[in-house]
Amino acid sequence: GIIIESPGFLPNYSGYNNLKLLASIKHKINKETIRNAISRVGLDPD
């Protein structure tokens, strides 16, 4: 897992939708896992 320089996200998407799009590249995780990751860092997945 990587953070190098400023994380680049699509500005017109929500945080959840940004991560959902990135997760679709590898198809390793489901929606609940994405939501859990967002919650763990103190953000609201909804």
ModelCIF file with pLDDT and N, C-alpha, C, O atoms, coordinates in Angstrom:
data_MODEL
#
_entry.id   MODEL 
#
_entity.id                         1 
_entity.type                       polymer 
_entity.pdbx_number_of_molecules   1 
#
_entity_poly.entity_id                      1 
_entity_poly.type                           'polypeptide(L)' 
_entity_poly.nstd_linkage                   no 
_entity_poly.nstd_monomer                   no 
_entity_poly.pdbx_seq_one_letter_code       GIIIESPGFLPNYSGYNNLKLLASIKHKINKETIRNAISRVGLDPD 
_entity_poly.pdbx_seq_one_letter_code_can   GIIIESPGFLPNYSGYNNLKLLASIKHKINKETIRNAISRVGLDPD 
_entity_poly.pdbx_strand_id                 A 
#
loop_
_entity_poly_seq.entity_id 
_entity_poly_seq.num 
_entity_poly_seq.mon_id 
_entity_poly_seq.hetero 
1 1  GLY n 
1 2  ILE n 
1 3  ILE n 
1 4  ILE n 
1 5  GLU n 
1 6  SER n 
1 7  PRO n 
1 8  GLY n 
1 9  PHE n 
1 10 LEU n 
1 11 PRO n 
1 12 ASN n 
1 13 TYR n 
1 14 SER n 
1 15 GLY n 
1 16 TYR n 
1 17 ASN n 
1 18 ASN n 
1 19 LEU n 
1 20 LYS n 
1 21 LEU n 
1 22 LEU n 
1 23 ALA n 
1 24 SER n 
1 25 ILE n 
1 26 LYS n 
1 27 HIS n 
1 28 LYS n 
1 29 ILE n 
1 30 ASN n 
1 31 LYS n 
1 32 GLU n 
1 33 THR n 
1 34 ILE n 
1 35 ARG n 
1 36 ASN n 
1 37 ALA n 
1 38 ILE n 
1 39 SER n 
1 40 ARG n 
1 41 VAL n 
1 42 GLY n 
1 43 LEU n 
1 44 ASP n 
1 45 PRO n 
1 46 ASP n 
#
_struct_asym.id          A 
_struct_asym.entity_id   1 
#
loop_
_ma_qa_metric.id 
_ma_qa_metric.mode 
_ma_qa_metric.name 
_ma_qa_metric.software_group_id 
_ma_qa_metric.type 
1 global pLDDT . pLDDT 
2 local  pLDDT . pLDDT 
#
_ma_qa_metric_global.metric_id      1 
_ma_qa_metric_global.metric_value   91.91 
_ma_qa_metric_global.model_id       1 
_ma_qa_metric_global.ordinal_id     1 
#
loop_
_ma_qa_metric_local.label_asym_id 
_ma_qa_metric_local.label_comp_id 
_ma_qa_metric_local.label_seq_id 
_ma_qa_metric_local.metric_id 
_ma_qa_metric_local.metric_value 
_ma_qa_metric_local.model_id 
_ma_qa_metric_local.ordinal_id 
A GLY 1  2 94.00 1 1  
A ILE 2  2 93.00 1 2  
A ILE 3  2 91.00 1 3  
A ILE 4  2 88.00 1 4  
A GLU 5  2 77.00 1 5  
A SER 6  2 69.00 1 6  
A PRO 7  2 70.00 1 7  
A GLY 8  2 79.00 1 8  
A PHE 9  2 92.00 1 9  
A LEU 10 2 93.00 1 10 
A PRO 11 2 95.00 1 11 
A ASN 12 2 95.00 1 12 
A TYR 13 2 96.00 1 13 
A SER 14 2 96.00 1 14 
A GLY 15 2 96.00 1 15 
A TYR 16 2 96.00 1 16 
A ASN 17 2 95.00 1 17 
A ASN 18 2 96.00 1 18 
A LEU 19 2 95.00 1 19 
A LYS 20 2 94.00 1 20 
A LEU 21 2 93.00 1 21 
A LEU 22 2 91.00 1 22 
A ALA 23 2 91.00 1 23 
A SER 24 2 91.00 1 24 
A ILE 25 2 87.00 1 25 
A LYS 26 2 86.00 1 26 
A HIS 27 2 89.00 1 27 
A LYS 28 2 90.00 1 28 
A ILE 29 2 92.00 1 29 
A ASN 30 2 93.00 1 30 
A LYS 31 2 95.00 1 31 
A GLU 32 2 95.00 1 32 
A THR 33 2 96.00 1 33 
A ILE 34 2 95.00 1 34 
A ARG 35 2 97.00 1 35 
A ASN 36 2 96.00 1 36 
A ALA 37 2 96.00 1 37 
A ILE 38 2 96.00 1 38 
A SER 39 2 96.00 1 39 
A ARG 40 2 94.00 1 40 
A VAL 41 2 94.00 1 41 
A GLY 42 2 93.00 1 42 
A LEU 43 2 95.00 1 43 
A ASP 44 2 96.00 1 44 
A PRO 45 2 96.00 1 45 
A ASP 46 2 95.00 1 46 
#
loop_
_atom_site.group_PDB 
_atom_site.id 
_atom_site.type_symbol 
_atom_site.label_atom_id 
_atom_site.label_alt_id 
_atom_site.label_comp_id 
_atom_site.label_asym_id 
_atom_site.label_entity_id 
_atom_site.label_seq_id 
_atom_site.pdbx_PDB_ins_code 
_atom_site.Cartn_x 
_atom_site.Cartn_y 
_atom_site.Cartn_z 
_atom_site.occupancy 
_atom_site.B_iso_or_equiv 
_atom_site.pdbx_formal_charge 
_atom_site.auth_seq_id 
_atom_site.auth_comp_id 
_atom_site.auth_asym_id 
_atom_site.auth_atom_id 
_atom_site.pdbx_PDB_model_num 
ATOM 1   N N  . GLY A 1 1  ? 0.843   -1.189 0.000   1.00 94.00 ? 1  GLY A N  1 
ATOM 2   C CA . GLY A 1 1  ? 0.000   0.000  0.000   1.00 94.00 ? 1  GLY A CA 1 
ATOM 3   C C  . GLY A 1 1  ? 0.877   1.237  0.000   1.00 94.00 ? 1  GLY A C  1 
ATOM 4   O O  . GLY A 1 1  ? 1.904   1.277  0.678   1.00 94.00 ? 1  GLY A O  1 
ATOM 5   N N  . ILE A 1 2  ? 0.474   2.251  -0.762  1.00 93.00 ? 2  ILE A N  1 
ATOM 6   C CA . ILE A 1 2  ? 1.397   3.352  -1.066  1.00 93.00 ? 2  ILE A CA 1 
ATOM 7   C C  . ILE A 1 2  ? 0.739   4.718  -0.915  1.00 93.00 ? 2  ILE A C  1 
ATOM 8   O O  . ILE A 1 2  ? -0.383  4.930  -1.376  1.00 93.00 ? 2  ILE A O  1 
ATOM 9   N N  . ILE A 1 3  ? 1.447   5.646  -0.264  1.00 91.00 ? 3  ILE A N  1 
ATOM 10  C CA . ILE A 1 3  ? 1.171   7.076  -0.422  1.00 91.00 ? 3  ILE A CA 1 
ATOM 11  C C  . ILE A 1 3  ? 2.494   7.722  -0.804  1.00 91.00 ? 3  ILE A C  1 
ATOM 12  O O  . ILE A 1 3  ? 3.440   7.721  -0.017  1.00 91.00 ? 3  ILE A O  1 
ATOM 13  N N  . ILE A 1 4  ? 2.560   8.268  -1.998  1.00 88.00 ? 4  ILE A N  1 
ATOM 14  C CA . ILE A 1 4  ? 3.750   9.010  -2.418  1.00 88.00 ? 4  ILE A CA 1 
ATOM 15  C C  . ILE A 1 4  ? 3.293   10.357 -2.957  1.00 88.00 ? 4  ILE A C  1 
ATOM 16  O O  . ILE A 1 4  ? 2.512   10.432 -3.905  1.00 88.00 ? 4  ILE A O  1 
ATOM 17  N N  . GLU A 1 5  ? 3.796   11.422 -2.334  1.00 77.00 ? 5  GLU A N  1 
ATOM 18  C CA . GLU A 1 5  ? 3.380   12.780 -2.661  1.00 77.00 ? 5  GLU A CA 1 
ATOM 19  C C  . GLU A 1 5  ? 1.882   12.912 -2.383  1.00 77.00 ? 5  GLU A C  1 
ATOM 20  O O  . GLU A 1 5  ? 1.320   12.067 -1.687  1.00 77.00 ? 5  GLU A O  1 
ATOM 21  N N  . SER A 1 6  ? 1.222   13.943 -2.906  1.00 69.00 ? 6  SER A N  1 
ATOM 22  C CA . SER A 1 6  ? -0.190  14.155 -2.584  1.00 69.00 ? 6  SER A CA 1 
ATOM 23  C C  . SER A 1 6  ? -1.050  13.089 -3.257  1.00 69.00 ? 6  SER A C  1 
ATOM 24  O O  . SER A 1 6  ? -0.935  12.867 -4.462  1.00 69.00 ? 6  SER A O  1 
ATOM 25  N N  . PRO A 1 7  ? -1.917  12.426 -2.475  1.00 70.00 ? 7  PRO A N  1 
ATOM 26  C CA . PRO A 1 7  ? -2.800  11.426 -3.095  1.00 70.00 ? 7  PRO A CA 1 
ATOM 27  C C  . PRO A 1 7  ? -3.654  12.075 -4.189  1.00 70.00 ? 7  PRO A C  1 
ATOM 28  O O  . PRO A 1 7  ? -4.222  13.147 -3.981  1.00 70.00 ? 7  PRO A O  1 
ATOM 29  N N  . GLY A 1 8  ? -3.744  11.427 -5.350  1.00 79.00 ? 8  GLY A N  1 
ATOM 30  C CA . GLY A 1 8  ? -4.517  11.978 -6.458  1.00 79.00 ? 8  GLY A CA 1 
ATOM 31  C C  . GLY A 1 8  ? -5.886  11.324 -6.551  1.00 79.00 ? 8  GLY A C  1 
ATOM 32  O O  . GLY A 1 8  ? -5.985  10.112 -6.742  1.00 79.00 ? 8  GLY A O  1 
ATOM 33  N N  . PHE A 1 9  ? -6.933  12.111 -6.420  1.00 92.00 ? 9  PHE A N  1 
ATOM 34  C CA . PHE A 1 9  ? -8.294  11.586 -6.504  1.00 92.00 ? 9  PHE A CA 1 
ATOM 35  C C  . PHE A 1 9  ? -9.106  12.408 -7.497  1.00 92.00 ? 9  PHE A C  1 
ATOM 36  O O  . PHE A 1 9  ? -8.739  13.531 -7.841  1.00 92.00 ? 9  PHE A O  1 
ATOM 37  N N  . LEU A 1 10 ? -10.214 11.830 -7.951  1.00 93.00 ? 10 LEU A N  1 
ATOM 38  C CA . LEU A 1 10 ? -11.118 12.553 -8.848  1.00 93.00 ? 10 LEU A CA 1 
ATOM 39  C C  . LEU A 1 10 ? -11.926 13.539 -8.024  1.00 93.00 ? 10 LEU A C  1 
ATOM 40  O O  . LEU A 1 10 ? -12.653 13.121 -7.122  1.00 93.00 ? 10 LEU A O  1 
ATOM 41  N N  . PRO A 1 11 ? -11.825 14.841 -8.304  1.00 95.00 ? 11 PRO A N  1 
ATOM 42  C CA . PRO A 1 11 ? -12.415 15.853 -7.424  1.00 95.00 ? 11 PRO A CA 1 
ATOM 43  C C  . PRO A 1 11 ? -13.940 15.858 -7.401  1.00 95.00 ? 11 PRO A C  1 
ATOM 44  O O  . PRO A 1 11 ? -14.533 16.333 -6.432  1.00 95.00 ? 11 PRO A O  1 
ATOM 45  N N  . ASN A 1 12 ? -14.594 15.337 -8.450  1.00 95.00 ? 12 ASN A N  1 
ATOM 46  C CA . ASN A 1 12 ? -16.053 15.378 -8.505  1.00 95.00 ? 12 ASN A CA 1 
ATOM 47  C C  . ASN A 1 12 ? -16.716 14.094 -8.009  1.00 95.00 ? 12 ASN A C  1 
ATOM 48  O O  . ASN A 1 12 ? -17.919 13.901 -8.186  1.00 95.00 ? 12 ASN A O  1 
ATOM 49  N N  . TYR A 1 13 ? -15.919 13.210 -7.383  1.00 96.00 ? 13 TYR A N  1 
ATOM 50  C CA . TYR A 1 13 ? -16.450 11.978 -6.795  1.00 96.00 ? 13 TYR A CA 1 
ATOM 51  C C  . TYR A 1 13 ? -16.324 12.060 -5.277  1.00 96.00 ? 13 TYR A C  1 
ATOM 52  O O  . TYR A 1 13 ? -15.460 12.760 -4.748  1.00 96.00 ? 13 TYR A O  1 
ATOM 53  N N  . SER A 1 14 ? -17.194 11.338 -4.595  1.00 96.00 ? 14 SER A N  1 
ATOM 54  C CA . SER A 1 14 ? -17.060 11.226 -3.135  1.00 96.00 ? 14 SER A CA 1 
ATOM 55  C C  . SER A 1 14 ? -15.848 10.361 -2.802  1.00 96.00 ? 14 SER A C  1 
ATOM 56  O O  . SER A 1 14 ? -15.288 9.693  -3.671  1.00 96.00 ? 14 SER A O  1 
ATOM 57  N N  . GLY A 1 15 ? -15.454 10.383 -1.533  1.00 96.00 ? 15 GLY A N  1 
ATOM 58  C CA . GLY A 1 15 ? -14.338 9.544  -1.097  1.00 96.00 ? 15 GLY A CA 1 
ATOM 59  C C  . GLY A 1 15 ? -14.610 8.069  -1.368  1.00 96.00 ? 15 GLY A C  1 
ATOM 60  O O  . GLY A 1 15 ? -13.752 7.352  -1.883  1.00 96.00 ? 15 GLY A O  1 
ATOM 61  N N  . TYR A 1 16 ? -15.821 7.626  -1.013  1.00 96.00 ? 16 TYR A N  1 
ATOM 62  C CA . TYR A 1 16 ? -16.188 6.214  -1.229  1.00 96.00 ? 16 TYR A CA 1 
ATOM 63  C C  . TYR A 1 16 ? -16.118 5.859  -2.708  1.00 96.00 ? 16 TYR A C  1 
ATOM 64  O O  . TYR A 1 16 ? -15.563 4.821  -3.069  1.00 96.00 ? 16 TYR A O  1 
ATOM 65  N N  . ASN A 1 17 ? -16.677 6.711  -3.568  1.00 95.00 ? 17 ASN A N  1 
ATOM 66  C CA . ASN A 1 17 ? -16.692 6.397  -5.000  1.00 95.00 ? 17 ASN A CA 1 
ATOM 67  C C  . ASN A 1 17 ? -15.286 6.411  -5.608  1.00 95.00 ? 17 ASN A C  1 
ATOM 68  O O  . ASN A 1 17 ? -15.006 5.657  -6.540  1.00 95.00 ? 17 ASN A O  1 
ATOM 69  N N  . ASN A 1 18 ? -14.408 7.263  -5.085  1.00 96.00 ? 18 ASN A N  1 
ATOM 70  C CA . ASN A 1 18 ? -13.011 7.234  -5.533  1.00 96.00 ? 18 ASN A CA 1 
ATOM 71  C C  . ASN A 1 18 ? -12.376 5.893  -5.214  1.00 96.00 ? 18 ASN A C  1 
ATOM 72  O O  . ASN A 1 18 ? -11.741 5.284  -6.074  1.00 96.00 ? 18 ASN A O  1 
ATOM 73  N N  . LEU A 1 19 ? -12.544 5.429  -3.981  1.00 95.00 ? 19 LEU A N  1 
ATOM 74  C CA . LEU A 1 19 ? -11.912 4.162  -3.590  1.00 95.00 ? 19 LEU A CA 1 
ATOM 75  C C  . LEU A 1 19 ? -12.570 2.977  -4.295  1.00 95.00 ? 19 LEU A C  1 
ATOM 76  O O  . LEU A 1 19 ? -11.897 2.009  -4.648  1.00 95.00 ? 19 LEU A O  1 
ATOM 77  N N  . LYS A 1 20 ? -13.885 3.057  -4.497  1.00 94.00 ? 20 LYS A N  1 
ATOM 78  C CA . LYS A 1 20 ? -14.589 1.986  -5.225  1.00 94.00 ? 20 LYS A CA 1 
ATOM 79  C C  . LYS A 1 20 ? -14.029 1.846  -6.637  1.00 94.00 ? 20 LYS A C  1 
ATOM 80  O O  . LYS A 1 20 ? -13.823 0.735  -7.126  1.00 94.00 ? 20 LYS A O  1 
ATOM 81  N N  . LEU A 1 21 ? -13.786 2.982  -7.284  1.00 93.00 ? 21 LEU A N  1 
ATOM 82  C CA . LEU A 1 21 ? -13.220 2.969  -8.634  1.00 93.00 ? 21 LEU A CA 1 
ATOM 83  C C  . LEU A 1 21 ? -11.825 2.344  -8.632  1.00 93.00 ? 21 LEU A C  1 
ATOM 84  O O  . LEU A 1 21 ? -11.508 1.529  -9.498  1.00 93.00 ? 21 LEU A O  1 
ATOM 85  N N  . LEU A 1 22 ? -10.992 2.724  -7.661  1.00 91.00 ? 22 LEU A N  1 
ATOM 86  C CA . LEU A 1 22 ? -9.635  2.169  -7.577  1.00 91.00 ? 22 LEU A CA 1 
ATOM 87  C C  . LEU A 1 22 ? -9.671  0.678  -7.243  1.00 91.00 ? 22 LEU A C  1 
ATOM 88  O O  . LEU A 1 22 ? -8.861  -0.095 -7.754  1.00 91.00 ? 22 LEU A O  1 
ATOM 89  N N  . ALA A 1 23 ? -10.617 0.275  -6.381  1.00 91.00 ? 23 ALA A N  1 
ATOM 90  C CA . ALA A 1 23 ? -10.724 -1.141 -6.005  1.00 91.00 ? 23 ALA A CA 1 
ATOM 91  C C  . ALA A 1 23 ? -11.157 -2.005 -7.183  1.00 91.00 ? 23 ALA A C  1 
ATOM 92  O O  . ALA A 1 23 ? -10.864 -3.200 -7.218  1.00 91.00 ? 23 ALA A O  1 
ATOM 93  N N  . SER A 1 24 ? -11.857 -1.403 -8.154  1.00 91.00 ? 24 SER A N  1 
ATOM 94  C CA . SER A 1 24 ? -12.347 -2.176 -9.303  1.00 91.00 ? 24 SER A CA 1 
ATOM 95  C C  . SER A 1 24 ? -11.210 -2.624 -10.222 1.00 91.00 ? 24 SER A C  1 
ATOM 96  O O  . SER A 1 24 ? -11.414 -3.478 -11.085 1.00 91.00 ? 24 SER A O  1 
ATOM 97  N N  . ILE A 1 25 ? -10.016 -2.055 -10.044 1.00 87.00 ? 25 ILE A N  1 
ATOM 98  C CA . ILE A 1 25 ? -8.867  -2.438 -10.884 1.00 87.00 ? 25 ILE A CA 1 
ATOM 99  C C  . ILE A 1 25 ? -8.462  -3.881 -10.600 1.00 87.00 ? 25 ILE A C  1 
ATOM 100 O O  . ILE A 1 25 ? -8.227  -4.662 -11.521 1.00 87.00 ? 25 ILE A O  1 
ATOM 101 N N  . LYS A 1 26 ? -8.383  -4.225 -9.311  1.00 86.00 ? 26 LYS A N  1 
ATOM 102 C CA . LYS A 1 26 ? -7.913  -5.570 -8.929  1.00 86.00 ? 26 LYS A CA 1 
ATOM 103 C C  . LYS A 1 26 ? -9.045  -6.517 -8.535  1.00 86.00 ? 26 LYS A C  1 
ATOM 104 O O  . LYS A 1 26 ? -8.852  -7.732 -8.502  1.00 86.00 ? 26 LYS A O  1 
ATOM 105 N N  . HIS A 1 27 ? -10.212 -5.975 -8.240  1.00 89.00 ? 27 HIS A N  1 
ATOM 106 C CA . HIS A 1 27 ? -11.358 -6.806 -7.814  1.00 89.00 ? 27 HIS A CA 1 
ATOM 107 C C  . HIS A 1 27 ? -11.022 -7.701 -6.630  1.00 89.00 ? 27 HIS A C  1 
ATOM 108 O O  . HIS A 1 27 ? -11.474 -8.844 -6.556  1.00 89.00 ? 27 HIS A O  1 
ATOM 109 N N  . LYS A 1 28 ? -10.221 -7.169 -5.695  1.00 90.00 ? 28 LYS A N  1 
ATOM 110 C CA . LYS A 1 28 ? -9.828  -7.974 -4.531  1.00 90.00 ? 28 LYS A CA 1 
ATOM 111 C C  . LYS A 1 28 ? -10.776 -7.804 -3.344  1.00 90.00 ? 28 LYS A C  1 
ATOM 112 O O  . LYS A 1 28 ? -10.861 -8.682 -2.486  1.00 90.00 ? 28 LYS A O  1 
ATOM 113 N N  . ILE A 1 29 ? -11.489 -6.675 -3.296  1.00 92.00 ? 29 ILE A N  1 
ATOM 114 C CA . ILE A 1 29 ? -12.255 -6.354 -2.091  1.00 92.00 ? 29 ILE A CA 1 
ATOM 115 C C  . ILE A 1 29 ? -13.677 -5.942 -2.446  1.00 92.00 ? 29 ILE A C  1 
ATOM 116 O O  . ILE A 1 29 ? -13.964 -5.530 -3.570  1.00 92.00 ? 29 ILE A O  1 
ATOM 117 N N  . ASN A 1 30 ? -14.573 -6.068 -1.441  1.00 93.00 ? 30 ASN A N  1 
ATOM 118 C CA . ASN A 1 30 ? -15.978 -5.717 -1.660  1.00 93.00 ? 30 ASN A CA 1 
ATOM 119 C C  . ASN A 1 30 ? -16.287 -4.333 -1.068  1.00 93.00 ? 30 ASN A C  1 
ATOM 120 O O  . ASN A 1 30 ? -15.430 -3.678 -0.476  1.00 93.00 ? 30 ASN A O  1 
ATOM 121 N N  . LYS A 1 31 ? -17.536 -3.922 -1.252  1.00 95.00 ? 31 LYS A N  1 
ATOM 122 C CA . LYS A 1 31 ? -17.951 -2.590 -0.810  1.00 95.00 ? 31 LYS A CA 1 
ATOM 123 C C  . LYS A 1 31 ? -17.776 -2.410 0.693   1.00 95.00 ? 31 LYS A C  1 
ATOM 124 O O  . LYS A 1 31 ? -17.379 -1.340 1.155   1.00 95.00 ? 31 LYS A O  1 
ATOM 125 N N  . GLU A 1 32 ? -18.070 -3.451 1.445   1.00 95.00 ? 32 GLU A N  1 
ATOM 126 C CA . GLU A 1 32 ? -17.989 -3.336 2.909   1.00 95.00 ? 32 GLU A CA 1 
ATOM 127 C C  . GLU A 1 32 ? -16.546 -3.123 3.361   1.00 95.00 ? 32 GLU A C  1 
ATOM 128 O O  . GLU A 1 32 ? -16.303 -2.390 4.320   1.00 95.00 ? 32 GLU A O  1 
ATOM 129 N N  . THR A 1 33 ? -15.594 -3.749 2.687   1.00 96.00 ? 33 THR A N  1 
ATOM 130 C CA . THR A 1 33 ? -14.174 -3.578 3.015   1.00 96.00 ? 33 THR A CA 1 
ATOM 131 C C  . THR A 1 33 ? -13.732 -2.140 2.733   1.00 96.00 ? 33 THR A C  1 
ATOM 132 O O  . THR A 1 33 ? -12.962 -1.559 3.497   1.00 96.00 ? 33 THR A O  1 
ATOM 133 N N  . ILE A 1 34 ? -14.226 -1.576 1.633   1.00 95.00 ? 34 ILE A N  1 
ATOM 134 C CA . ILE A 1 34 ? -13.914 -0.175 1.308   1.00 95.00 ? 34 ILE A CA 1 
ATOM 135 C C  . ILE A 1 34 ? -14.480 0.744  2.393   1.00 95.00 ? 34 ILE A C  1 
ATOM 136 O O  . ILE A 1 34 ? -13.790 1.635  2.891   1.00 95.00 ? 34 ILE A O  1 
ATOM 137 N N  . ARG A 1 35 ? -15.740 0.513  2.748   1.00 97.00 ? 35 ARG A N  1 
ATOM 138 C CA . ARG A 1 35 ? -16.391 1.334  3.778   1.00 97.00 ? 35 ARG A CA 1 
ATOM 139 C C  . ARG A 1 35 ? -15.625 1.242  5.101   1.00 97.00 ? 35 ARG A C  1 
ATOM 140 O O  . ARG A 1 35 ? -15.444 2.244  5.793   1.00 97.00 ? 35 ARG A O  1 
ATOM 141 N N  . ASN A 1 36 ? -15.185 0.044  5.440   1.00 96.00 ? 36 ASN A N  1 
ATOM 142 C CA . ASN A 1 36 ? -14.447 -0.169 6.686   1.00 96.00 ? 36 ASN A CA 1 
ATOM 143 C C  . ASN A 1 36 ? -13.129 0.597  6.687   1.00 96.00 ? 36 ASN A C  1 
ATOM 144 O O  . ASN A 1 36 ? -12.759 1.194  7.698   1.00 96.00 ? 36 ASN A O  1 
ATOM 145 N N  . ALA A 1 37 ? -12.416 0.585  5.555   1.00 96.00 ? 37 ALA A N  1 
ATOM 146 C CA . ALA A 1 37 ? -11.136 1.307  5.449   1.00 96.00 ? 37 ALA A CA 1 
ATOM 147 C C  . ALA A 1 37 ? -11.356 2.808  5.656   1.00 96.00 ? 37 ALA A C  1 
ATOM 148 O O  . ALA A 1 37 ? -10.562 3.470  6.325   1.00 96.00 ? 37 ALA A O  1 
ATOM 149 N N  . ILE A 1 38 ? -12.434 3.338  5.079   1.00 96.00 ? 38 ILE A N  1 
ATOM 150 C CA . ILE A 1 38 ? -12.733 4.764  5.223   1.00 96.00 ? 38 ILE A CA 1 
ATOM 151 C C  . ILE A 1 38 ? -13.048 5.101  6.678   1.00 96.00 ? 38 ILE A C  1 
ATOM 152 O O  . ILE A 1 38 ? -12.589 6.114  7.205   1.00 96.00 ? 38 ILE A O  1 
ATOM 153 N N  . SER A 1 39 ? -13.833 4.243  7.318   1.00 96.00 ? 39 SER A N  1 
ATOM 154 C CA . SER A 1 39 ? -14.181 4.468  8.731   1.00 96.00 ? 39 SER A CA 1 
ATOM 155 C C  . SER A 1 39 ? -12.952 4.409  9.627   1.00 96.00 ? 39 SER A C  1 
ATOM 156 O O  . SER A 1 39 ? -12.841 5.171  10.588  1.00 96.00 ? 39 SER A O  1 
ATOM 157 N N  . ARG A 1 40 ? -12.034 3.508  9.314   1.00 94.00 ? 40 ARG A N  1 
ATOM 158 C CA . ARG A 1 40 ? -10.850 3.304  10.171  1.00 94.00 ? 40 ARG A CA 1 
ATOM 159 C C  . ARG A 1 40 ? -9.946  4.531  10.227  1.00 94.00 ? 40 ARG A C  1 
ATOM 160 O O  . ARG A 1 40 ? -9.217  4.725  11.199  1.00 94.00 ? 40 ARG A O  1 
ATOM 161 N N  . VAL A 1 41 ? -9.994  5.353  9.190   1.00 94.00 ? 41 VAL A N  1 
ATOM 162 C CA . VAL A 1 41 ? -9.153  6.564  9.184   1.00 94.00 ? 41 VAL A CA 1 
ATOM 163 C C  . VAL A 1 41 ? -9.931  7.802  9.632   1.00 94.00 ? 41 VAL A C  1 
ATOM 164 O O  . VAL A 1 41 ? -9.440  8.925  9.516   1.00 94.00 ? 41 VAL A O  1 
ATOM 165 N N  . GLY A 1 42 ? -11.150 7.588  10.145  1.00 93.00 ? 42 GLY A N  1 
ATOM 166 C CA . GLY A 1 42 ? -11.903 8.701  10.721  1.00 93.00 ? 42 GLY A CA 1 
ATOM 167 C C  . GLY A 1 42 ? -12.741 9.496  9.745   1.00 93.00 ? 42 GLY A C  1 
ATOM 168 O O  . GLY A 1 42 ? -13.113 10.633 10.036  1.00 93.00 ? 42 GLY A O  1 
ATOM 169 N N  . LEU A 1 43 ? -13.051 8.918  8.579   1.00 95.00 ? 43 LEU A N  1 
ATOM 170 C CA . LEU A 1 43 ? -13.940 9.571  7.620   1.00 95.00 ? 43 LEU A CA 1 
ATOM 171 C C  . LEU A 1 43 ? -15.282 8.835  7.572   1.00 95.00 ? 43 LEU A C  1 
ATOM 172 O O  . LEU A 1 43 ? -15.392 7.695  8.023   1.00 95.00 ? 43 LEU A O  1 
ATOM 173 N N  . ASP A 1 44 ? -16.293 9.498  7.022   1.00 96.00 ? 44 ASP A N  1 
ATOM 174 C CA . ASP A 1 44 ? -17.629 8.915  6.922   1.00 96.00 ? 44 ASP A CA 1 
ATOM 175 C C  . ASP A 1 44 ? -17.811 8.299  5.536   1.00 96.00 ? 44 ASP A C  1 
ATOM 176 O O  . ASP A 1 44 ? -17.823 9.026  4.543   1.00 96.00 ? 44 ASP A O  1 
ATOM 177 N N  . PRO A 1 45 ? -17.954 6.969  5.447   1.00 96.00 ? 45 PRO A N  1 
ATOM 178 C CA . PRO A 1 45 ? -18.099 6.348  4.125   1.00 96.00 ? 45 PRO A CA 1 
ATOM 179 C C  . PRO A 1 45 ? -19.397 6.726  3.411   1.00 96.00 ? 45 PRO A C  1 
ATOM 180 O O  . PRO A 1 45 ? -19.504 6.567  2.195   1.00 96.00 ? 45 PRO A O  1 
ATOM 181 N N  . ASP A 1 46 ? -20.389 7.229  4.167   1.00 95.00 ? 46 ASP A N  1 
ATOM 182 C CA . ASP A 1 46 ? -21.669 7.607  3.562   1.00 95.00 ? 46 ASP A CA 1 
ATOM 183 C C  . ASP A 1 46 ? -21.715 9.064  3.112   1.00 95.00 ? 46 ASP A C  1 
ATOM 184 O O  . ASP A 1 46 ? -22.733 9.516  2.586   1.00 95.00 ? 46 ASP A O  1 
#
